[in-house]
């Protein structure tokens, strides 16, 4: 069974995000970038499936600027077999990403597509659902456990009320949640091997996909700074401040 894993290049989660001076977006120049943490979980799950003998090949796909090759190399070092980069300098919004992935999937014909439930830069949580809808495939979102049973998939989902288990027919789209697994660190030998693994480069035009943004960002602002706390001398003073200053009671 061939697996396809989508990986996104985002600002590293340890970096403090700063807004550009002109408020047109987030500053990415000279900022450390890495693979989206939810996508790391997706790669790890795919590699575990291959190690268990369920999957035969793992294809890592990334969309965006040329530097996304670094993100693909990380996936290859973790255990993916080859990569595909859909290179473009255009701003890619969730629907455009879903359409590009659909075009790649139609070329590659995988049985299962795994991707993170959301990216930590835009937090849209839309691409997996849109992709499943465009393909007409079954979908298991927010997965905390995935089990392959022949031509079917058991996915345990994290929902508001607890856990829900769904049975899906393959082919299917699965989006990963935090508790699915703990991603491995790529070892130095695997990082060296990843440099020799192939990465094919495509373009949106070659795939016949229009990636023109449908939404326009008007302005990006940092959240207001929180005011410092105050110490009070008694419960009565606390109640007085809550009632007259904070006006919450």
C-alpha atoms as a PDB file:
ATOM      1  CA  UNK A   1       0.000   0.000   0.000  1.00  0.00           C
ATOM      2  CA  UNK A   2       1.371   3.396  -0.995  1.00  0.00           C
ATOM      3  CA  UNK A   3       1.065   6.236   1.515  1.00  0.00           C
ATOM      4  CA  UNK A   4       1.209   9.943   0.751  1.00  0.00           C
ATOM      5  CA  UNK A   5       2.106  12.375   3.543  1.00  0.00           C
ATOM      6  CA  UNK A   6       1.740  16.137   3.209  1.00  0.00           C
ATOM      7  CA  UNK A   7       4.295  18.253   5.099  1.00  0.00           C
ATOM      8  CA  UNK A   8       4.329  22.028   5.531  1.00  0.00           C
ATOM      9  CA  UNK A   9       7.210  24.418   6.189  1.00  0.00           C
ATOM     10  CA  UNK A  10       6.315  26.779   9.039  1.00  0.00           C
ATOM     11  CA  UNK A  11       8.026  29.083  11.536  1.00  0.00           C
ATOM     12  CA  UNK A  12       9.590  26.855  14.198  1.00  0.00           C
ATOM     13  CA  UNK A  13       7.350  26.444  17.227  1.00  0.00           C
ATOM     14  CA  UNK A  14      10.144  27.648  19.538  1.00  0.00           C
ATOM     15  CA  UNK A  15      10.432  30.991  17.733  1.00  0.00           C
ATOM     16  CA  UNK A  16       8.558  34.057  18.981  1.00  0.00           C
ATOM     17  CA  UNK A  17       6.423  35.165  16.039  1.00  0.00           C
ATOM     18  CA  UNK A  18       6.694  38.848  15.163  1.00  0.00           C
ATOM     19  CA  UNK A  19       4.485  40.967  12.939  1.00  0.00           C
ATOM     20  CA  UNK A  20       6.088  42.878  10.046  1.00  0.00           C
ATOM     21  CA  UNK A  21       6.512  46.614  10.464  1.00  0.00           C
ATOM     22  CA  UNK A  22       3.955  47.301   7.718  1.00  0.00           C
ATOM     23  CA  UNK A  23       1.496  44.851   9.357  1.00  0.00           C
ATOM     24  CA  UNK A  24       1.131  42.921   6.106  1.00  0.00           C
ATOM     25  CA  UNK A  25       1.939  39.574   7.699  1.00  0.00           C
ATOM     26  CA  UNK A  26       4.350  37.655   9.926  1.00  0.00           C
ATOM     27  CA  UNK A  27       8.101  38.186   9.698  1.00  0.00           C
ATOM     28  CA  UNK A  28       9.821  35.145   8.158  1.00  0.00           C
ATOM     29  CA  UNK A  29      13.145  36.670   7.019  1.00  0.00           C
ATOM     30  CA  UNK A  30      16.103  35.180   8.941  1.00  0.00           C
ATOM     31  CA  UNK A  31      13.666  33.151  11.062  1.00  0.00           C
ATOM     32  CA  UNK A  32      14.201  29.463  11.814  1.00  0.00           C
ATOM     33  CA  UNK A  33      11.730  27.321   9.861  1.00  0.00           C
ATOM     34  CA  UNK A  34      10.833  23.667  10.424  1.00  0.00           C
ATOM     35  CA  UNK A  35       8.218  21.031   9.663  1.00  0.00           C
ATOM     36  CA  UNK A  36       4.749  21.636  11.067  1.00  0.00           C
ATOM     37  CA  UNK A  37       4.585  19.550  14.306  1.00  0.00           C
ATOM     38  CA  UNK A  38       1.294  17.891  13.342  1.00  0.00           C
ATOM     39  CA  UNK A  39       2.860  16.846  10.030  1.00  0.00           C
ATOM     40  CA  UNK A  40       5.789  15.304  11.920  1.00  0.00           C
ATOM     41  CA  UNK A  41       3.214  13.094  13.639  1.00  0.00           C
ATOM     42  CA  UNK A  42       1.774  12.197  10.213  1.00  0.00           C
ATOM     43  CA  UNK A  43       5.222  11.181   8.911  1.00  0.00           C
ATOM     44  CA  UNK A  44       5.897   9.131  12.040  1.00  0.00           C
ATOM     45  CA  UNK A  45       2.601   7.263  11.671  1.00  0.00           C
ATOM     46  CA  UNK A  46       3.347   6.494   8.019  1.00  0.00           C
ATOM     47  CA  UNK A  47       6.825   5.197   8.912  1.00  0.00           C
ATOM     48  CA  UNK A  48       5.378   3.001  11.657  1.00  0.00           C
ATOM     49  CA  UNK A  49       2.914   1.541   9.146  1.00  0.00           C
ATOM     50  CA  UNK A  50       5.779   0.726   6.804  1.00  0.00           C
ATOM     51  CA  UNK A  51       7.784  -0.859   9.626  1.00  0.00           C
ATOM     52  CA  UNK A  52       4.733  -2.978  10.483  1.00  0.00           C
ATOM     53  CA  UNK A  53       4.576  -4.221   6.884  1.00  0.00           C
ATOM     54  CA  UNK A  54       1.302  -2.436   6.131  1.00  0.00           C
ATOM     55  CA  UNK A  55       2.753   0.137   3.738  1.00  0.00           C
ATOM     56  CA  UNK A  56       5.176  -0.428   0.875  1.00  0.00           C
ATOM     57  CA  UNK A  57       6.116   3.160  -0.024  1.00  0.00           C
ATOM     58  CA  UNK A  58       5.878   6.593   1.585  1.00  0.00           C
ATOM     59  CA  UNK A  59       5.789   9.722  -0.565  1.00  0.00           C
ATOM     60  CA  UNK A  60       6.319  13.073   1.187  1.00  0.00           C
ATOM     61  CA  UNK A  61       4.749  16.093  -0.526  1.00  0.00           C
ATOM     62  CA  UNK A  62       5.296  19.763   0.227  1.00  0.00           C
ATOM     63  CA  UNK A  63       3.943  22.869  -1.481  1.00  0.00           C
ATOM     64  CA  UNK A  64       5.556  26.283  -1.611  1.00  0.00           C
ATOM     65  CA  UNK A  65       8.937  27.940  -2.096  1.00  0.00           C
ATOM     66  CA  UNK A  66      12.136  26.130  -3.052  1.00  0.00           C
ATOM     67  CA  UNK A  67      13.231  25.958   0.607  1.00  0.00           C
ATOM     68  CA  UNK A  68      10.410  23.472   1.232  1.00  0.00           C
ATOM     69  CA  UNK A  69      12.889  20.878  -0.032  1.00  0.00           C
ATOM     70  CA  UNK A  70      14.474  21.079   3.426  1.00  0.00           C
ATOM     71  CA  UNK A  71      11.157  20.035   4.975  1.00  0.00           C
ATOM     72  CA  UNK A  72      10.887  17.130   2.543  1.00  0.00           C
ATOM     73  CA  UNK A  73      14.455  16.071   3.405  1.00  0.00           C
ATOM     74  CA  UNK A  74      13.454  15.958   7.060  1.00  0.00           C
ATOM     75  CA  UNK A  75      10.574  13.620   6.173  1.00  0.00           C
ATOM     76  CA  UNK A  76      12.955  11.494   4.082  1.00  0.00           C
ATOM     77  CA  UNK A  77      15.380  11.310   7.018  1.00  0.00           C
ATOM     78  CA  UNK A  78      12.528  10.119   9.250  1.00  0.00           C
ATOM     79  CA  UNK A  79      11.789   7.261   6.847  1.00  0.00           C
ATOM     80  CA  UNK A  80       9.887   8.465   3.768  1.00  0.00           C
ATOM     81  CA  UNK A  81      11.073   6.960   0.478  1.00  0.00           C
ATOM     82  CA  UNK A  82      10.857   9.896  -1.919  1.00  0.00           C
ATOM     83  CA  UNK A  83       9.558  13.430  -2.116  1.00  0.00           C
ATOM     84  CA  UNK A  84       7.533  15.707  -4.358  1.00  0.00           C
ATOM     85  CA  UNK A  85       7.761  19.500  -4.249  1.00  0.00           C
ATOM     86  CA  UNK A  86       5.080  21.604  -5.899  1.00  0.00           C
ATOM     87  CA  UNK A  87       7.102  24.793  -6.181  1.00  0.00           C
ATOM     88  CA  UNK A  88       5.468  28.206  -6.204  1.00  0.00           C
ATOM     89  CA  UNK A  89       6.080  31.611  -4.642  1.00  0.00           C
ATOM     90  CA  UNK A  90       2.355  32.337  -4.509  1.00  0.00           C
ATOM     91  CA  UNK A  91       0.463  32.479  -1.210  1.00  0.00           C
ATOM     92  CA  UNK A  92      -1.204  29.097  -0.815  1.00  0.00           C
ATOM     93  CA  UNK A  93      -4.538  29.036   1.011  1.00  0.00           C
ATOM     94  CA  UNK A  94      -6.235  25.793   2.193  1.00  0.00           C
ATOM     95  CA  UNK A  95      -8.441  25.287  -0.878  1.00  0.00           C
ATOM     96  CA  UNK A  96      -5.509  25.785  -3.251  1.00  0.00           C
ATOM     97  CA  UNK A  97      -3.431  23.346  -1.185  1.00  0.00           C
ATOM     98  CA  UNK A  98      -6.242  20.775  -1.308  1.00  0.00           C
ATOM     99  CA  UNK A  99      -6.535  21.147  -5.091  1.00  0.00           C
ATOM    100  CA  UNK A 100      -2.779  20.750  -5.582  1.00  0.00           C
ATOM    101  CA  UNK A 101      -2.701  17.675  -3.339  1.00  0.00           C
ATOM    102  CA  UNK A 102      -5.650  16.226  -5.262  1.00  0.00           C
ATOM    103  CA  UNK A 103      -3.720  16.624  -8.525  1.00  0.00           C
ATOM    104  CA  UNK A 104      -0.633  14.944  -7.031  1.00  0.00           C
ATOM    105  CA  UNK A 105      -2.760  12.128  -5.590  1.00  0.00           C
ATOM    106  CA  UNK A 106      -4.343  11.478  -8.983  1.00  0.00           C
ATOM    107  CA  UNK A 107      -0.812  11.031 -10.399  1.00  0.00           C
ATOM    108  CA  UNK A 108       0.527   8.905  -7.530  1.00  0.00           C
ATOM    109  CA  UNK A 109      -2.600   6.848  -6.702  1.00  0.00           C
ATOM    110  CA  UNK A 110      -1.909   6.254  -2.972  1.00  0.00           C
ATOM    111  CA  UNK A 111      -4.331   4.221  -0.860  1.00  0.00           C
ATOM    112  CA  UNK A 112      -3.994   6.471   2.184  1.00  0.00           C
ATOM    113  CA  UNK A 113      -3.195  10.167   2.651  1.00  0.00           C
ATOM    114  CA  UNK A 114      -2.002  11.353   6.076  1.00  0.00           C
ATOM    115  CA  UNK A 115      -1.505  14.976   7.082  1.00  0.00           C
ATOM    116  CA  UNK A 116      -1.555  17.086  10.205  1.00  0.00           C
ATOM    117  CA  UNK A 117      -4.954  18.270  11.405  1.00  0.00           C
ATOM    118  CA  UNK A 118      -3.756  21.887  11.150  1.00  0.00           C
ATOM    119  CA  UNK A 119      -0.681  24.032  10.643  1.00  0.00           C
ATOM    120  CA  UNK A 120       0.628  26.086  13.532  1.00  0.00           C
ATOM    121  CA  UNK A 121       1.005  29.215  11.379  1.00  0.00           C
ATOM    122  CA  UNK A 122      -2.566  29.767  10.196  1.00  0.00           C
ATOM    123  CA  UNK A 123      -4.433  27.202  12.380  1.00  0.00           C
ATOM    124  CA  UNK A 124      -6.995  26.814   9.589  1.00  0.00           C
ATOM    125  CA  UNK A 125      -7.777  23.099  10.128  1.00  0.00           C
ATOM    126  CA  UNK A 126      -9.359  22.913   6.665  1.00  0.00           C
ATOM    127  CA  UNK A 127      -7.032  21.222   4.178  1.00  0.00           C
ATOM    128  CA  UNK A 128      -7.680  17.584   5.141  1.00  0.00           C
ATOM    129  CA  UNK A 129     -11.449  17.980   5.057  1.00  0.00           C
ATOM    130  CA  UNK A 130     -11.376  19.882   1.753  1.00  0.00           C
ATOM    131  CA  UNK A 131      -9.071  17.281   0.207  1.00  0.00           C
ATOM    132  CA  UNK A 132     -11.353  14.399   1.213  1.00  0.00           C
ATOM    133  CA  UNK A 133     -14.347  16.257  -0.228  1.00  0.00           C
ATOM    134  CA  UNK A 134     -12.581  16.975  -3.537  1.00  0.00           C
ATOM    135  CA  UNK A 135     -11.466  13.337  -3.852  1.00  0.00           C
ATOM    136  CA  UNK A 136     -14.770  11.883  -2.659  1.00  0.00           C
ATOM    137  CA  UNK A 137     -12.816   9.765  -0.149  1.00  0.00           C
ATOM    138  CA  UNK A 138     -13.625   8.758   3.408  1.00  0.00           C
ATOM    139  CA  UNK A 139     -11.998  10.910   6.081  1.00  0.00           C
ATOM    140  CA  UNK A 140     -10.888  10.386   9.680  1.00  0.00           C
ATOM    141  CA  UNK A 141      -9.956  13.682  11.314  1.00  0.00           C
ATOM    142  CA  UNK A 142      -8.215  14.402  14.654  1.00  0.00           C
ATOM    143  CA  UNK A 143      -6.899  10.829  14.789  1.00  0.00           C
ATOM    144  CA  UNK A 144      -5.398   9.610  18.070  1.00  0.00           C
ATOM    145  CA  UNK A 145      -5.178   5.978  16.897  1.00  0.00           C
ATOM    146  CA  UNK A 146      -5.086   4.402  13.439  1.00  0.00           C
ATOM    147  CA  UNK A 147      -5.354   0.685  12.678  1.00  0.00           C
ATOM    148  CA  UNK A 148      -5.392  -0.902   9.224  1.00  0.00           C
ATOM    149  CA  UNK A 149      -7.658  -3.919   8.767  1.00  0.00           C
ATOM    150  CA  UNK A 150      -7.340  -5.182   5.198  1.00  0.00           C
ATOM    151  CA  UNK A 151      -9.100  -2.667   2.938  1.00  0.00           C
ATOM    152  CA  UNK A 152     -10.517  -0.794   5.908  1.00  0.00           C
ATOM    153  CA  UNK A 153      -9.206   1.616   8.483  1.00  0.00           C
ATOM    154  CA  UNK A 154     -10.186   2.007  12.139  1.00  0.00           C
ATOM    155  CA  UNK A 155      -9.620   5.586  13.279  1.00  0.00           C
ATOM    156  CA  UNK A 156     -10.102   6.725  16.869  1.00  0.00           C
ATOM    157  CA  UNK A 157     -10.959  10.425  16.822  1.00  0.00           C
ATOM    158  CA  UNK A 158     -10.726  13.011  19.564  1.00  0.00           C
ATOM    159  CA  UNK A 159     -14.069  14.801  19.815  1.00  0.00           C
ATOM    160  CA  UNK A 160     -15.578  17.233  22.328  1.00  0.00           C
ATOM    161  CA  UNK A 161     -17.300  14.442  24.245  1.00  0.00           C
ATOM    162  CA  UNK A 162     -14.273  12.122  24.407  1.00  0.00           C
ATOM    163  CA  UNK A 163     -13.274   9.532  21.800  1.00  0.00           C
ATOM    164  CA  UNK A 164     -15.107   8.305  18.706  1.00  0.00           C
ATOM    165  CA  UNK A 165     -14.056   5.328  16.561  1.00  0.00           C
ATOM    166  CA  UNK A 166     -14.965   5.259  12.880  1.00  0.00           C
ATOM    167  CA  UNK A 167     -14.433   2.556  10.264  1.00  0.00           C
ATOM    168  CA  UNK A 168     -13.337   3.867   6.870  1.00  0.00           C
ATOM    169  CA  UNK A 169     -13.053   2.211   3.488  1.00  0.00           C
ATOM    170  CA  UNK A 170      -9.770   2.762   1.698  1.00  0.00           C
ATOM    171  CA  UNK A 171      -8.747   4.979  -0.017  1.00  0.00           C
ATOM    172  CA  UNK A 172      -9.056   7.549   2.759  1.00  0.00           C
ATOM    173  CA  UNK A 173      -7.697  10.788   4.205  1.00  0.00           C
ATOM    174  CA  UNK A 174      -6.535  10.897   7.843  1.00  0.00           C
ATOM    175  CA  UNK A 175      -5.546  14.006   9.795  1.00  0.00           C
ATOM    176  CA  UNK A 176      -3.395  13.519  12.871  1.00  0.00           C
ATOM    177  CA  UNK A 177      -3.819  14.828  16.410  1.00  0.00           C
ATOM    178  CA  UNK A 178      -1.179  15.271  19.117  1.00  0.00           C
ATOM    179  CA  UNK A 179      -1.736  11.988  20.953  1.00  0.00           C
ATOM    180  CA  UNK A 180      -1.366   9.711  17.924  1.00  0.00           C
ATOM    181  CA  UNK A 181       2.371   9.150  18.484  1.00  0.00           C
ATOM    182  CA  UNK A 182       5.699  10.684  19.469  1.00  0.00           C
ATOM    183  CA  UNK A 183       7.735  11.570  16.345  1.00  0.00           C
ATOM    184  CA  UNK A 184      11.278  10.185  16.210  1.00  0.00           C
ATOM    185  CA  UNK A 185      14.430  12.225  15.788  1.00  0.00           C
ATOM    186  CA  UNK A 186      16.190  11.661  12.497  1.00  0.00           C
ATOM    187  CA  UNK A 187      19.562  10.002  13.085  1.00  0.00           C
ATOM    188  CA  UNK A 188      22.713  11.309  11.394  1.00  0.00           C
ATOM    189  CA  UNK A 189      23.056   8.242   9.115  1.00  0.00           C
ATOM    190  CA  UNK A 190      19.434   8.663   7.996  1.00  0.00           C
ATOM    191  CA  UNK A 191      19.983  12.382   7.383  1.00  0.00           C
ATOM    192  CA  UNK A 192      22.915  11.482   5.123  1.00  0.00           C
ATOM    193  CA  UNK A 193      20.849   8.827   3.323  1.00  0.00           C
ATOM    194  CA  UNK A 194      18.024  11.344   2.828  1.00  0.00           C
ATOM    195  CA  UNK A 195      20.327  13.515   0.713  1.00  0.00           C
ATOM    196  CA  UNK A 196      20.411  10.757  -1.914  1.00  0.00           C
ATOM    197  CA  UNK A 197      16.680  10.106  -1.993  1.00  0.00           C
ATOM    198  CA  UNK A 198      14.863  11.606  -5.018  1.00  0.00           C
ATOM    199  CA  UNK A 199      12.686  14.715  -4.904  1.00  0.00           C
ATOM    200  CA  UNK A 200      10.587  15.505  -7.974  1.00  0.00           C
ATOM    201  CA  UNK A 201       9.646  19.133  -8.631  1.00  0.00           C
ATOM    202  CA  UNK A 202       6.309  20.149 -10.148  1.00  0.00           C
ATOM    203  CA  UNK A 203       4.476  23.449 -10.572  1.00  0.00           C
ATOM    204  CA  UNK A 204       0.815  24.404 -10.119  1.00  0.00           C
ATOM    205  CA  UNK A 205       0.689  25.218 -13.833  1.00  0.00           C
ATOM    206  CA  UNK A 206       1.911  21.731 -14.762  1.00  0.00           C
ATOM    207  CA  UNK A 207      -0.806  20.271 -12.523  1.00  0.00           C
ATOM    208  CA  UNK A 208      -3.454  22.540 -14.044  1.00  0.00           C
ATOM    209  CA  UNK A 209      -4.380  24.175 -10.736  1.00  0.00           C
ATOM    210  CA  UNK A 210      -5.168  27.877 -10.243  1.00  0.00           C
ATOM    211  CA  UNK A 211      -3.740  28.910  -6.864  1.00  0.00           C
ATOM    212  CA  UNK A 212      -4.887  32.550  -6.944  1.00  0.00           C
ATOM    213  CA  UNK A 213      -5.822  33.511  -3.352  1.00  0.00           C
ATOM    214  CA  UNK A 214      -9.529  33.949  -2.677  1.00  0.00           C
ATOM    215  CA  UNK A 215      -8.999  35.790   0.592  1.00  0.00           C
ATOM    216  CA  UNK A 216      -7.019  38.985   1.136  1.00  0.00           C
ATOM    217  CA  UNK A 217      -5.248  39.761   4.411  1.00  0.00           C
ATOM    218  CA  UNK A 218      -5.960  43.385   5.244  1.00  0.00           C
ATOM    219  CA  UNK A 219      -3.844  43.754   8.361  1.00  0.00           C
ATOM    220  CA  UNK A 220      -2.027  41.627  10.929  1.00  0.00           C
ATOM    221  CA  UNK A 221      -1.658  42.911  14.489  1.00  0.00           C
ATOM    222  CA  UNK A 222      -0.093  41.530  17.641  1.00  0.00           C
ATOM    223  CA  UNK A 223      -2.502  40.883  20.534  1.00  0.00           C
ATOM    224  CA  UNK A 224      -2.645  43.670  23.140  1.00  0.00           C
ATOM    225  CA  UNK A 225      -0.200  43.310  26.000  1.00  0.00           C
ATOM    226  CA  UNK A 226      -1.675  42.042  29.257  1.00  0.00           C
ATOM    227  CA  UNK A 227      -1.726  44.436  32.177  1.00  0.00           C
ATOM    228  CA  UNK A 228       0.335  43.601  35.229  1.00  0.00           C
ATOM    229  CA  UNK A 229      -1.446  41.949  38.138  1.00  0.00           C
ATOM    230  CA  UNK A 230      -2.217  43.716  41.414  1.00  0.00           C
ATOM    231  CA  UNK A 231      -1.848  42.534  44.989  1.00  0.00           C
ATOM    232  CA  UNK A 232      -4.744  43.108  47.359  1.00  0.00           C
ATOM    233  CA  UNK A 233      -4.712  43.189  51.133  1.00  0.00           C
ATOM    234  CA  UNK A 234      -8.007  41.478  51.878  1.00  0.00           C
ATOM    235  CA  UNK A 235     -10.892  39.506  50.405  1.00  0.00           C
ATOM    236  CA  UNK A 236     -13.090  42.580  50.723  1.00  0.00           C
ATOM    237  CA  UNK A 237     -10.630  44.636  48.657  1.00  0.00           C
ATOM    238  CA  UNK A 238     -10.529  41.867  46.029  1.00  0.00           C
ATOM    239  CA  UNK A 239     -14.320  41.823  45.799  1.00  0.00           C
ATOM    240  CA  UNK A 240     -14.399  45.602  45.566  1.00  0.00           C
ATOM    241  CA  UNK A 241     -11.924  45.624  42.648  1.00  0.00           C
ATOM    242  CA  UNK A 242     -13.738  42.796  40.852  1.00  0.00           C
ATOM    243  CA  UNK A 243     -17.004  44.657  41.243  1.00  0.00           C
ATOM    244  CA  UNK A 244     -15.935  48.239  40.498  1.00  0.00           C
ATOM    245  CA  UNK A 245     -12.791  47.991  38.347  1.00  0.00           C
ATOM    246  CA  UNK A 246     -12.976  44.691  36.473  1.00  0.00           C
ATOM    247  CA  UNK A 247     -16.814  44.706  36.565  1.00  0.00           C
ATOM    248  CA  UNK A 248     -17.011  40.936  36.433  1.00  0.00           C
ATOM    249  CA  UNK A 249     -19.323  40.502  39.399  1.00  0.00           C
END
